[in-house]
Amino acid sequence: MRVLCNGVWDMYHVGHANAWLQAKQTTQAAEVVVAVHDGADTAAHKGRPCVFSDEERCAMVLSCAW
């Protein structure tokens, strides 16, 4: 089973990590896939740029153990 968690993940915090942990705990066989929205698309929809670049946000997501 794959569980998709998509989001901007800007200003990374413990709530993001807990969401991924809960997704992982849905079943023992769960594979969590975290998608990071593109900064340009995010700025177009939110009307403001992200605080961190796409590369920085991806690095923050990859640093999470879950």
C-alpha atoms as a PDB file:
ATOM      1  CA  MET A   1       0.000   0.000   0.000  1.00  0.00           C
ATOM      2  CA  ARG A   2       1.234   3.476  -0.855  1.00  0.00           C
ATOM      3  CA  VAL A   3       0.054   6.532   1.043  1.00  0.00           C
ATOM      4  CA  LEU A   4       0.499   9.878  -0.714  1.00  0.00           C
ATOM      5  CA  CYS A   5       1.107  12.993   1.379  1.00  0.00           C
ATOM      6  CA  ASN A   6       1.312  16.025  -0.868  1.00  0.00           C
ATOM      7  CA  GLY A   7       1.839  19.589   0.202  1.00  0.00           C
ATOM      8  CA  VAL A   8       4.005  22.676   0.079  1.00  0.00           C
ATOM      9  CA  TRP A   9       5.880  21.716   3.286  1.00  0.00           C
ATOM     10  CA  ASP A  10       7.218  25.237   3.712  1.00  0.00           C
ATOM     11  CA  MET A  11       8.269  26.174   7.248  1.00  0.00           C
ATOM     12  CA  TYR A  12       8.712  22.499   8.138  1.00  0.00           C
ATOM     13  CA  HIS A  13       7.567  21.627  11.669  1.00  0.00           C
ATOM     14  CA  VAL A  14       6.748  18.651  13.876  1.00  0.00           C
ATOM     15  CA  GLY A  15       3.135  18.622  12.649  1.00  0.00           C
ATOM     16  CA  HIS A  16       4.359  17.697   9.173  1.00  0.00           C
ATOM     17  CA  ALA A  17       6.483  14.861  10.549  1.00  0.00           C
ATOM     18  CA  ASN A  18       3.559  13.623  12.658  1.00  0.00           C
ATOM     19  CA  ALA A  19       1.309  13.556   9.587  1.00  0.00           C
ATOM     20  CA  TRP A  20       3.824  11.361   7.782  1.00  0.00           C
ATOM     21  CA  LEU A  21       4.200   9.128  10.845  1.00  0.00           C
ATOM     22  CA  GLN A  22       0.425   8.676  11.045  1.00  0.00           C
ATOM     23  CA  ALA A  23       0.378   7.823   7.342  1.00  0.00           C
ATOM     24  CA  LYS A  24       3.122   5.248   7.940  1.00  0.00           C
ATOM     25  CA  GLN A  25       1.165   3.726  10.826  1.00  0.00           C
ATOM     26  CA  THR A  26      -1.992   3.118   8.738  1.00  0.00           C
ATOM     27  CA  THR A  27      -0.701  -0.381   8.039  1.00  0.00           C
ATOM     28  CA  GLN A  28       2.578  -2.194   8.520  1.00  0.00           C
ATOM     29  CA  ALA A  29       3.013  -2.515   4.767  1.00  0.00           C
ATOM     30  CA  ALA A  30       2.487   1.186   4.078  1.00  0.00           C
ATOM     31  CA  GLU A  31       4.984   3.023   1.923  1.00  0.00           C
ATOM     32  CA  VAL A  32       4.707   6.774   2.456  1.00  0.00           C
ATOM     33  CA  VAL A  33       5.275   8.936  -0.615  1.00  0.00           C
ATOM     34  CA  VAL A  34       5.684  12.644   0.130  1.00  0.00           C
ATOM     35  CA  ALA A  35       5.186  15.023  -2.796  1.00  0.00           C
ATOM     36  CA  VAL A  36       6.481  18.592  -2.637  1.00  0.00           C
ATOM     37  CA  HIS A  37       4.550  21.186  -4.633  1.00  0.00           C
ATOM     38  CA  ASP A  38       6.535  23.378  -6.987  1.00  0.00           C
ATOM     39  CA  GLY A  39       7.306  26.856  -5.641  1.00  0.00           C
ATOM     40  CA  ALA A  40       6.111  28.634  -8.796  1.00  0.00           C
ATOM     41  CA  ASP A  41       2.734  26.883  -8.700  1.00  0.00           C
ATOM     42  CA  THR A  42       2.434  27.561  -4.985  1.00  0.00           C
ATOM     43  CA  ALA A  43       3.142  31.261  -5.468  1.00  0.00           C
ATOM     44  CA  ALA A  44       0.540  31.419  -8.243  1.00  0.00           C
ATOM     45  CA  HIS A  45      -2.132  29.825  -6.040  1.00  0.00           C
ATOM     46  CA  LYS A  46      -1.272  31.433  -2.700  1.00  0.00           C
ATOM     47  CA  GLY A  47      -0.276  34.808  -4.096  1.00  0.00           C
ATOM     48  CA  ARG A  48       3.070  34.825  -2.318  1.00  0.00           C
ATOM     49  CA  PRO A  49       6.361  32.970  -2.739  1.00  0.00           C
ATOM     50  CA  CYS A  50       7.529  30.156  -0.503  1.00  0.00           C
ATOM     51  CA  VAL A  51       9.982  31.010   2.257  1.00  0.00           C
ATOM     52  CA  PHE A  52      12.302  28.170   1.220  1.00  0.00           C
ATOM     53  CA  SER A  53      13.355  27.122  -2.277  1.00  0.00           C
ATOM     54  CA  ASP A  54      12.173  23.875  -3.865  1.00  0.00           C
ATOM     55  CA  GLU A  55      15.559  22.279  -3.169  1.00  0.00           C
ATOM     56  CA  GLU A  56      15.535  23.339   0.483  1.00  0.00           C
ATOM     57  CA  ARG A  57      11.999  22.027   1.031  1.00  0.00           C
ATOM     58  CA  CYS A  58      12.902  18.711  -0.625  1.00  0.00           C
ATOM     59  CA  ALA A  59      15.980  18.429   1.611  1.00  0.00           C
ATOM     60  CA  MET A  60      13.811  19.027   4.707  1.00  0.00           C
ATOM     61  CA  VAL A  61      11.366  16.312   3.605  1.00  0.00           C
ATOM     62  CA  LEU A  62      14.191  13.853   2.888  1.00  0.00           C
ATOM     63  CA  SER A  63      15.676  14.471   6.344  1.00  0.00           C
ATOM     64  CA  CYS A  64      12.616  12.962   8.037  1.00  0.00           C
ATOM     65  CA  ALA A  65      13.093   9.353   9.152  1.00  0.00           C
ATOM     66  CA  TRP A  66       9.512   8.404   8.266  1.00  0.00           C
END
